[in-house]
Amino acid sequence: MHKKVHVQATINNEPVEFLCEPRQSLLECLRDILGLTGTKEGCNDGNCGACTVVLDDRIVTSCLVLGVEAQGRKITTIEGIAEGHKLHPLQQAFLENAALQCGVCTPGFLVAAKALLDAEPNPSEERIRLWLANNLCRCTGYDKIVRAVKQCATEVNA
């Protein structure tokens, strides 16, 4: 049995504490320990982007980050994007553009796209495609996702 490590972090603007084994990924900690199941496990080797979260203002694949690395850090997951029961404009744009199907990739796309819009409020289509290149979708293709991000940028900046 491995000795568990006490971790204190801020997740979705809330202070949290949890115990995890040193080998556990941040993804496992979010889902299995903290019950934040919106972050999805796709490939579990950093190639699909389904588990994308924001760690200290940088997007990361949480399957490749150890839970102990969250110590003292700020994390935003898909659960932290909406404002209570009100969808974030990006989530609404995904719905309006049918930019999702099975939903496995959707949380990662939303988290990554929100990070882009936070950094660049009015990105070009080329920039959106480049930014989201590490997120894979096997159902929708990418045009609807790109349109949803562009729509959100346009509406928020109008």
N, C-alpha and C. Protein backbone atom coordinates (compact mmCIF):
# COMPACT_ATOMS: atom_id res chain seq x y z
N MET A 1 0.85 -1.19 0.00
CA MET A 1 0.00 0.00 0.00
C MET A 1 0.89 1.24 0.00
N HIS A 2 0.55 2.17 -0.86
CA HIS A 2 1.31 3.40 -0.96
C HIS A 2 0.84 4.40 0.09
N LYS A 3 1.78 5.18 0.56
CA LYS A 3 1.43 6.24 1.49
C LYS A 3 0.72 7.34 0.72
N LYS A 4 -0.38 7.81 1.27
CA LYS A 4 -1.14 8.86 0.59
C LYS A 4 -0.58 10.23 0.94
N VAL A 5 -0.73 11.13 -0.02
CA VAL A 5 -0.22 12.49 0.12
C VAL A 5 -1.40 13.44 0.27
N HIS A 6 -1.28 14.38 1.20
CA HIS A 6 -2.31 15.40 1.42
C HIS A 6 -2.06 16.54 0.43
N VAL A 7 -3.08 16.87 -0.35
CA VAL A 7 -2.97 17.92 -1.37
C VAL A 7 -4.02 18.98 -1.09
N GLN A 8 -3.59 20.23 -1.14
CA GLN A 8 -4.50 21.38 -1.04
C GLN A 8 -4.40 22.16 -2.34
N ALA A 9 -5.54 22.46 -2.93
CA ALA A 9 -5.56 23.18 -4.20
C ALA A 9 -6.84 24.02 -4.26
N THR A 10 -6.93 24.81 -5.29
CA THR A 10 -8.16 25.55 -5.57
C THR A 10 -8.71 24.99 -6.88
N ILE A 11 -9.89 24.40 -6.80
CA ILE A 11 -10.50 23.82 -7.98
C ILE A 11 -11.84 24.51 -8.22
N ASN A 12 -11.97 25.08 -9.39
CA ASN A 12 -13.18 25.84 -9.76
C ASN A 12 -13.49 26.91 -8.73
N ASN A 13 -12.45 27.62 -8.33
CA ASN A 13 -12.51 28.73 -7.38
C ASN A 13 -12.92 28.34 -5.97
N GLU A 14 -12.82 27.06 -5.65
CA GLU A 14 -13.13 26.57 -4.30
C GLU A 14 -11.90 25.88 -3.71
N PRO A 15 -11.54 26.20 -2.47
CA PRO A 15 -10.43 25.47 -1.86
C PRO A 15 -10.83 24.02 -1.61
N VAL A 16 -9.95 23.10 -1.95
CA VAL A 16 -10.21 21.68 -1.74
C VAL A 16 -8.98 21.03 -1.12
N GLU A 17 -9.23 19.94 -0.41
CA GLU A 17 -8.17 19.11 0.12
C GLU A 17 -8.52 17.67 -0.20
N PHE A 18 -7.51 16.89 -0.55
CA PHE A 18 -7.75 15.47 -0.81
C PHE A 18 -6.48 14.69 -0.54
N LEU A 19 -6.66 13.40 -0.36
CA LEU A 19 -5.55 12.47 -0.20
C LEU A 19 -5.44 11.64 -1.46
N CYS A 20 -4.22 11.50 -1.97
CA CYS A 20 -4.01 10.68 -3.16
C CYS A 20 -2.69 9.94 -3.06
N GLU A 21 -2.59 8.89 -3.82
CA GLU A 21 -1.33 8.17 -3.91
C GLU A 21 -0.41 8.95 -4.85
N PRO A 22 0.90 8.92 -4.61
CA PRO A 22 1.82 9.68 -5.46
C PRO A 22 1.75 9.33 -6.94
N ARG A 23 1.30 8.14 -7.27
CA ARG A 23 1.24 7.68 -8.67
C ARG A 23 -0.06 8.06 -9.36
N GLN A 24 -1.06 8.55 -8.63
CA GLN A 24 -2.37 8.83 -9.23
C GLN A 24 -2.32 10.09 -10.09
N SER A 25 -2.97 10.01 -11.25
CA SER A 25 -3.04 11.19 -12.12
C SER A 25 -4.04 12.19 -11.58
N LEU A 26 -3.89 13.42 -12.03
CA LEU A 26 -4.86 14.45 -11.67
C LEU A 26 -6.25 14.04 -12.15
N LEU A 27 -6.33 13.43 -13.32
CA LEU A 27 -7.61 12.95 -13.85
C LEU A 27 -8.26 11.98 -12.86
N GLU A 28 -7.51 11.01 -12.36
CA GLU A 28 -8.05 10.06 -11.40
C GLU A 28 -8.50 10.78 -10.12
N CYS A 29 -7.72 11.74 -9.68
CA CYS A 29 -8.09 12.47 -8.46
C CYS A 29 -9.37 13.26 -8.66
N LEU A 30 -9.47 13.94 -9.79
CA LEU A 30 -10.68 14.72 -10.07
C LEU A 30 -11.91 13.83 -10.10
N ARG A 31 -11.83 12.75 -10.85
CA ARG A 31 -12.99 11.88 -11.05
C ARG A 31 -13.28 10.99 -9.85
N ASP A 32 -12.26 10.27 -9.37
CA ASP A 32 -12.48 9.21 -8.39
C ASP A 32 -12.46 9.69 -6.94
N ILE A 33 -11.70 10.73 -6.67
CA ILE A 33 -11.61 11.20 -5.28
C ILE A 33 -12.55 12.38 -5.05
N LEU A 34 -12.53 13.33 -5.98
CA LEU A 34 -13.32 14.56 -5.80
C LEU A 34 -14.70 14.52 -6.43
N GLY A 35 -14.99 13.49 -7.22
CA GLY A 35 -16.32 13.35 -7.82
C GLY A 35 -16.61 14.33 -8.94
N LEU A 36 -15.58 14.93 -9.51
CA LEU A 36 -15.75 15.85 -10.64
C LEU A 36 -15.64 15.04 -11.92
N THR A 37 -16.73 14.41 -12.29
CA THR A 37 -16.72 13.45 -13.39
C THR A 37 -16.94 14.08 -14.77
N GLY A 38 -17.04 15.39 -14.83
CA GLY A 38 -17.19 16.05 -16.13
C GLY A 38 -15.94 15.91 -16.98
N THR A 39 -14.79 15.90 -16.36
CA THR A 39 -13.54 15.68 -17.08
C THR A 39 -13.51 14.22 -17.49
N LYS A 40 -13.36 13.97 -18.77
CA LYS A 40 -13.48 12.60 -19.30
C LYS A 40 -12.12 11.96 -19.53
N GLU A 41 -12.12 10.63 -19.38
CA GLU A 41 -10.94 9.85 -19.74
C GLU A 41 -11.15 9.31 -21.14
N GLY A 42 -10.27 9.69 -22.04
CA GLY A 42 -10.34 9.18 -23.41
C GLY A 42 -9.25 8.16 -23.61
N CYS A 43 -8.07 8.63 -23.93
CA CYS A 43 -6.96 7.75 -24.26
C CYS A 43 -6.08 7.39 -23.06
N ASN A 44 -6.05 8.24 -22.07
CA ASN A 44 -5.22 8.09 -20.87
C ASN A 44 -3.73 8.11 -21.19
N ASP A 45 -3.36 8.69 -22.33
CA ASP A 45 -1.94 8.86 -22.63
C ASP A 45 -1.63 10.22 -23.26
N GLY A 46 -2.52 11.19 -23.07
CA GLY A 46 -2.26 12.56 -23.48
C GLY A 46 -2.49 12.89 -24.94
N ASN A 47 -3.10 11.99 -25.69
CA ASN A 47 -3.25 12.22 -27.13
C ASN A 47 -4.61 12.74 -27.58
N CYS A 48 -5.66 12.65 -26.74
CA CYS A 48 -6.99 12.99 -27.25
C CYS A 48 -7.56 14.31 -26.73
N GLY A 49 -7.11 14.78 -25.58
CA GLY A 49 -7.59 16.05 -25.05
C GLY A 49 -8.90 15.99 -24.30
N ALA A 50 -9.51 14.82 -24.17
CA ALA A 50 -10.80 14.71 -23.47
C ALA A 50 -10.69 15.15 -22.01
N CYS A 51 -9.52 15.00 -21.43
CA CYS A 51 -9.34 15.31 -20.00
C CYS A 51 -8.72 16.68 -19.77
N THR A 52 -8.80 17.56 -20.76
CA THR A 52 -8.19 18.89 -20.65
C THR A 52 -8.78 19.70 -19.51
N VAL A 53 -7.89 20.28 -18.70
CA VAL A 53 -8.25 21.21 -17.65
C VAL A 53 -7.29 22.40 -17.74
N VAL A 54 -7.60 23.45 -17.02
CA VAL A 54 -6.70 24.59 -16.93
C VAL A 54 -5.98 24.50 -15.59
N LEU A 55 -4.67 24.48 -15.63
CA LEU A 55 -3.83 24.41 -14.44
C LEU A 55 -2.99 25.68 -14.42
N ASP A 56 -3.28 26.55 -13.46
CA ASP A 56 -2.56 27.82 -13.36
C ASP A 56 -2.49 28.54 -14.71
N ASP A 57 -3.63 28.71 -15.35
CA ASP A 57 -3.76 29.46 -16.60
C ASP A 57 -3.12 28.80 -17.82
N ARG A 58 -2.84 27.49 -17.73
CA ARG A 58 -2.33 26.74 -18.88
C ARG A 58 -3.19 25.51 -19.08
N ILE A 59 -3.53 25.21 -20.34
CA ILE A 59 -4.30 23.99 -20.56
C ILE A 59 -3.34 22.79 -20.51
N VAL A 60 -3.80 21.75 -19.83
CA VAL A 60 -3.02 20.52 -19.71
C VAL A 60 -3.97 19.33 -19.85
N THR A 61 -3.41 18.21 -20.24
CA THR A 61 -4.18 16.97 -20.23
C THR A 61 -3.98 16.37 -18.84
N SER A 62 -5.05 16.28 -18.09
CA SER A 62 -4.96 15.89 -16.68
C SER A 62 -4.53 14.44 -16.49
N CYS A 63 -4.59 13.64 -17.54
CA CYS A 63 -4.10 12.25 -17.43
C CYS A 63 -2.59 12.20 -17.35
N LEU A 64 -1.91 13.28 -17.75
CA LEU A 64 -0.44 13.32 -17.73
C LEU A 64 0.13 14.14 -16.58
N VAL A 65 -0.72 14.65 -15.73
CA VAL A 65 -0.29 15.41 -14.56
C VAL A 65 -0.59 14.57 -13.33
N LEU A 66 0.35 14.51 -12.42
CA LEU A 66 0.10 13.77 -11.18
C LEU A 66 -0.77 14.60 -10.25
N GLY A 67 -1.62 13.94 -9.51
CA GLY A 67 -2.47 14.64 -8.55
C GLY A 67 -1.67 15.43 -7.54
N VAL A 68 -0.53 14.92 -7.12
CA VAL A 68 0.30 15.63 -6.14
C VAL A 68 0.83 16.94 -6.69
N GLU A 69 0.89 17.06 -8.02
CA GLU A 69 1.35 18.30 -8.64
C GLU A 69 0.33 19.42 -8.52
N ALA A 70 -0.87 19.11 -8.06
CA ALA A 70 -1.91 20.13 -7.87
C ALA A 70 -1.68 20.93 -6.59
N GLN A 71 -0.77 20.49 -5.76
CA GLN A 71 -0.52 21.16 -4.48
C GLN A 71 -0.32 22.66 -4.68
N GLY A 72 -1.19 23.45 -4.03
CA GLY A 72 -1.08 24.90 -4.05
C GLY A 72 -1.44 25.55 -5.37
N ARG A 73 -2.02 24.81 -6.28
CA ARG A 73 -2.30 25.35 -7.61
C ARG A 73 -3.78 25.58 -7.84
N LYS A 74 -4.07 26.30 -8.91
CA LYS A 74 -5.45 26.62 -9.28
C LYS A 74 -5.82 25.81 -10.52
N ILE A 75 -6.95 25.11 -10.43
CA ILE A 75 -7.41 24.25 -11.51
C ILE A 75 -8.84 24.63 -11.89
N THR A 76 -9.11 24.67 -13.18
CA THR A 76 -10.48 24.85 -13.66
C THR A 76 -10.84 23.64 -14.50
N THR A 77 -11.96 23.02 -14.16
CA THR A 77 -12.48 21.89 -14.91
C THR A 77 -13.74 22.34 -15.64
N ILE A 78 -14.34 21.45 -16.38
CA ILE A 78 -15.58 21.76 -17.09
C ILE A 78 -16.67 22.20 -16.11
N GLU A 79 -16.66 21.65 -14.90
CA GLU A 79 -17.68 22.04 -13.91
C GLU A 79 -17.54 23.50 -13.49
N GLY A 80 -16.37 24.10 -13.71
CA GLY A 80 -16.14 25.48 -13.32
C GLY A 80 -16.43 26.50 -14.40
N ILE A 81 -16.92 26.06 -15.53
CA ILE A 81 -17.15 26.98 -16.64
C ILE A 81 -18.52 27.66 -16.57
N ALA A 82 -19.55 26.91 -16.25
CA ALA A 82 -20.89 27.50 -16.14
C ALA A 82 -20.95 28.38 -14.90
N GLU A 83 -21.90 29.27 -14.88
CA GLU A 83 -22.13 30.13 -13.72
C GLU A 83 -23.38 29.61 -13.02
N GLY A 84 -23.19 28.70 -12.07
CA GLY A 84 -24.32 28.06 -11.41
C GLY A 84 -25.06 27.20 -12.42
N HIS A 85 -26.35 27.46 -12.58
CA HIS A 85 -27.15 26.70 -13.54
C HIS A 85 -27.21 27.37 -14.90
N LYS A 86 -26.57 28.52 -15.02
CA LYS A 86 -26.57 29.26 -16.29
C LYS A 86 -25.36 28.83 -17.11
N LEU A 87 -25.62 28.35 -18.33
CA LEU A 87 -24.53 27.93 -19.20
C LEU A 87 -23.63 29.10 -19.57
N HIS A 88 -22.36 28.80 -19.71
CA HIS A 88 -21.42 29.78 -20.24
C HIS A 88 -21.79 30.01 -21.71
N PRO A 89 -21.60 31.20 -22.26
CA PRO A 89 -21.93 31.44 -23.66
C PRO A 89 -21.28 30.43 -24.62
N LEU A 90 -20.12 29.94 -24.30
CA LEU A 90 -19.47 28.94 -25.14
C LEU A 90 -20.25 27.62 -25.12
N GLN A 91 -20.73 27.22 -23.96
CA GLN A 91 -21.55 26.01 -23.87
C GLN A 91 -22.84 26.18 -24.67
N GLN A 92 -23.44 27.35 -24.59
CA GLN A 92 -24.67 27.64 -25.35
C GLN A 92 -24.39 27.58 -26.85
N ALA A 93 -23.26 28.12 -27.26
CA ALA A 93 -22.90 28.10 -28.68
C ALA A 93 -22.66 26.67 -29.17
N PHE A 94 -22.08 25.82 -28.33
CA PHE A 94 -21.91 24.42 -28.71
C PHE A 94 -23.28 23.76 -28.94
N LEU A 95 -24.24 24.06 -28.08
CA LEU A 95 -25.58 23.51 -28.25
C LEU A 95 -26.23 24.03 -29.53
N GLU A 96 -26.17 25.32 -29.74
CA GLU A 96 -26.82 25.93 -30.89
C GLU A 96 -26.22 25.47 -32.22
N ASN A 97 -24.94 25.12 -32.21
CA ASN A 97 -24.26 24.70 -33.43
C ASN A 97 -24.15 23.18 -33.57
N ALA A 98 -24.80 22.45 -32.67
CA ALA A 98 -24.72 20.98 -32.67
C ALA A 98 -23.27 20.52 -32.72
N ALA A 99 -22.44 21.15 -31.90
CA ALA A 99 -21.00 20.90 -31.91
C ALA A 99 -20.62 19.76 -30.95
N LEU A 100 -21.54 18.85 -30.73
CA LEU A 100 -21.26 17.70 -29.88
C LEU A 100 -22.15 16.56 -30.30
N GLN A 101 -21.66 15.36 -30.05
CA GLN A 101 -22.51 14.19 -30.29
C GLN A 101 -22.39 13.26 -29.09
N CYS A 102 -21.39 12.40 -29.06
CA CYS A 102 -21.33 11.43 -27.95
C CYS A 102 -20.96 12.10 -26.64
N GLY A 103 -20.24 13.21 -26.68
CA GLY A 103 -19.94 13.98 -25.49
C GLY A 103 -18.62 13.68 -24.81
N VAL A 104 -17.90 12.65 -25.23
CA VAL A 104 -16.65 12.32 -24.56
C VAL A 104 -15.63 13.44 -24.73
N CYS A 105 -15.51 13.99 -25.91
CA CYS A 105 -14.52 15.03 -26.16
C CYS A 105 -14.98 16.42 -25.74
N THR A 106 -16.27 16.61 -25.58
CA THR A 106 -16.85 17.93 -25.40
C THR A 106 -16.26 18.71 -24.22
N PRO A 107 -16.13 18.12 -23.02
CA PRO A 107 -15.55 18.89 -21.92
C PRO A 107 -14.15 19.42 -22.22
N GLY A 108 -13.33 18.59 -22.85
CA GLY A 108 -11.98 19.03 -23.19
C GLY A 108 -11.97 20.16 -24.20
N PHE A 109 -12.83 20.05 -25.21
CA PHE A 109 -12.95 21.12 -26.20
C PHE A 109 -13.42 22.42 -25.54
N LEU A 110 -14.42 22.33 -24.67
CA LEU A 110 -14.95 23.52 -24.02
C LEU A 110 -13.91 24.19 -23.14
N VAL A 111 -13.19 23.42 -22.35
CA VAL A 111 -12.16 23.98 -21.47
C VAL A 111 -11.06 24.63 -22.30
N ALA A 112 -10.60 23.95 -23.34
CA ALA A 112 -9.55 24.50 -24.19
C ALA A 112 -10.03 25.75 -24.92
N ALA A 113 -11.24 25.71 -25.46
CA ALA A 113 -11.77 26.86 -26.19
C ALA A 113 -11.97 28.06 -25.27
N LYS A 114 -12.43 27.82 -24.05
CA LYS A 114 -12.59 28.93 -23.11
C LYS A 114 -11.23 29.55 -22.78
N ALA A 115 -10.21 28.72 -22.62
CA ALA A 115 -8.87 29.24 -22.36
C ALA A 115 -8.40 30.11 -23.53
N LEU A 116 -8.71 29.67 -24.76
CA LEU A 116 -8.37 30.48 -25.93
C LEU A 116 -9.08 31.82 -25.88
N LEU A 117 -10.40 31.79 -25.65
CA LEU A 117 -11.16 33.04 -25.64
C LEU A 117 -10.75 33.96 -24.49
N ASP A 118 -10.31 33.39 -23.39
CA ASP A 118 -9.79 34.21 -22.28
C ASP A 118 -8.49 34.90 -22.69
N ALA A 119 -7.66 34.20 -23.47
CA ALA A 119 -6.37 34.74 -23.91
C ALA A 119 -6.52 35.65 -25.13
N GLU A 120 -7.42 35.27 -26.04
CA GLU A 120 -7.62 35.99 -27.29
C GLU A 120 -9.13 36.12 -27.54
N PRO A 121 -9.72 37.22 -27.15
CA PRO A 121 -11.18 37.35 -27.24
C PRO A 121 -11.78 37.22 -28.63
N ASN A 122 -11.01 37.49 -29.69
CA ASN A 122 -11.57 37.40 -31.04
C ASN A 122 -10.60 36.68 -31.98
N PRO A 123 -10.39 35.38 -31.75
CA PRO A 123 -9.42 34.65 -32.58
C PRO A 123 -9.95 34.37 -33.98
N SER A 124 -9.03 34.24 -34.92
CA SER A 124 -9.39 33.86 -36.29
C SER A 124 -9.73 32.38 -36.32
N GLU A 125 -10.37 31.96 -37.41
CA GLU A 125 -10.68 30.54 -37.57
C GLU A 125 -9.39 29.73 -37.55
N GLU A 126 -8.36 30.22 -38.20
CA GLU A 126 -7.07 29.50 -38.22
C GLU A 126 -6.52 29.34 -36.80
N ARG A 127 -6.62 30.39 -36.01
CA ARG A 127 -6.11 30.34 -34.64
C ARG A 127 -6.93 29.36 -33.79
N ILE A 128 -8.25 29.34 -33.98
CA ILE A 128 -9.11 28.40 -33.25
C ILE A 128 -8.70 26.97 -33.60
N ARG A 129 -8.55 26.69 -34.87
CA ARG A 129 -8.16 25.34 -35.31
C ARG A 129 -6.81 24.94 -34.74
N LEU A 130 -5.87 25.85 -34.76
CA LEU A 130 -4.54 25.56 -34.22
C LEU A 130 -4.60 25.30 -32.72
N TRP A 131 -5.34 26.14 -31.99
CA TRP A 131 -5.45 26.02 -30.53
C TRP A 131 -6.10 24.69 -30.13
N LEU A 132 -7.08 24.27 -30.90
CA LEU A 132 -7.82 23.05 -30.56
C LEU A 132 -7.25 21.79 -31.22
N ALA A 133 -6.10 21.89 -31.85
CA ALA A 133 -5.52 20.77 -32.59
C ALA A 133 -5.19 19.57 -31.70
N ASN A 134 -5.01 19.77 -30.42
CA ASN A 134 -4.70 18.65 -29.52
C ASN A 134 -5.94 17.96 -28.98
N ASN A 135 -7.11 18.41 -29.38
CA ASN A 135 -8.35 17.78 -28.95
C ASN A 135 -8.94 17.02 -30.14
N LEU A 136 -9.23 15.76 -29.91
CA LEU A 136 -9.74 14.91 -30.97
C LEU A 136 -11.23 14.62 -30.79
N CYS A 137 -11.94 14.60 -31.90
CA CYS A 137 -13.35 14.23 -31.92
C CYS A 137 -13.55 13.17 -32.97
N ARG A 138 -14.23 12.11 -32.59
CA ARG A 138 -14.46 11.03 -33.54
C ARG A 138 -15.87 11.07 -34.13
N CYS A 139 -16.69 12.01 -33.67
CA CYS A 139 -18.10 12.02 -34.09
C CYS A 139 -18.47 13.19 -35.00
N THR A 140 -18.16 14.42 -34.60
CA THR A 140 -18.73 15.58 -35.27
C THR A 140 -17.89 16.13 -36.39
N GLY A 141 -16.63 15.81 -36.44
CA GLY A 141 -15.75 16.59 -37.29
C GLY A 141 -15.47 17.87 -36.52
N TYR A 142 -14.85 18.82 -37.13
CA TYR A 142 -14.42 19.99 -36.37
C TYR A 142 -15.10 21.28 -36.78
N ASP A 143 -15.75 21.31 -37.93
CA ASP A 143 -16.32 22.55 -38.42
C ASP A 143 -17.35 23.14 -37.46
N LYS A 144 -18.22 22.30 -36.92
CA LYS A 144 -19.26 22.79 -36.00
C LYS A 144 -18.63 23.32 -34.71
N ILE A 145 -17.60 22.68 -34.27
CA ILE A 145 -16.91 23.14 -33.05
C ILE A 145 -16.26 24.49 -33.30
N VAL A 146 -15.58 24.63 -34.42
CA VAL A 146 -14.93 25.90 -34.76
C VAL A 146 -15.98 27.00 -34.91
N ARG A 147 -17.10 26.69 -35.57
CA ARG A 147 -18.18 27.69 -35.72
C ARG A 147 -18.72 28.12 -34.36
N ALA A 148 -18.86 27.16 -33.44
CA ALA A 148 -19.39 27.49 -32.12
C ALA A 148 -18.44 28.43 -31.37
N VAL A 149 -17.15 28.17 -31.45
CA VAL A 149 -16.16 29.03 -30.77
C VAL A 149 -16.20 30.42 -31.39
N LYS A 150 -16.25 30.48 -32.71
CA LYS A 150 -16.29 31.77 -33.42
C LYS A 150 -17.57 32.54 -33.07
N GLN A 151 -18.71 31.83 -33.02
CA GLN A 151 -19.97 32.47 -32.65
C GLN A 151 -19.89 33.05 -31.25
N CYS A 152 -19.36 32.30 -30.32
CA CYS A 152 -19.24 32.79 -28.96
C CYS A 152 -18.37 34.03 -28.89
N ALA A 153 -17.24 34.00 -29.59
CA ALA A 153 -16.34 35.17 -29.59
C ALA A 153 -17.05 36.39 -30.16
N THR A 154 -17.80 36.19 -31.23
CA THR A 154 -18.52 37.30 -31.86
C THR A 154 -19.60 37.86 -30.95
N GLU A 155 -20.37 36.96 -30.32
CA GLU A 155 -21.47 37.42 -29.46
C GLU A 155 -20.96 38.09 -28.19
N VAL A 156 -19.93 37.55 -27.60
CA VAL A 156 -19.41 38.10 -26.34
C VAL A 156 -18.76 39.46 -26.60
N ASN A 157 -18.17 39.64 -27.76
CA ASN A 157 -17.48 40.90 -28.07
C ASN A 157 -18.37 41.91 -28.79
N ALA A 158 -19.64 41.58 -29.00
CA ALA A 158 -20.55 42.49 -29.71
C ALA A 158 -20.96 43.66 -28.83
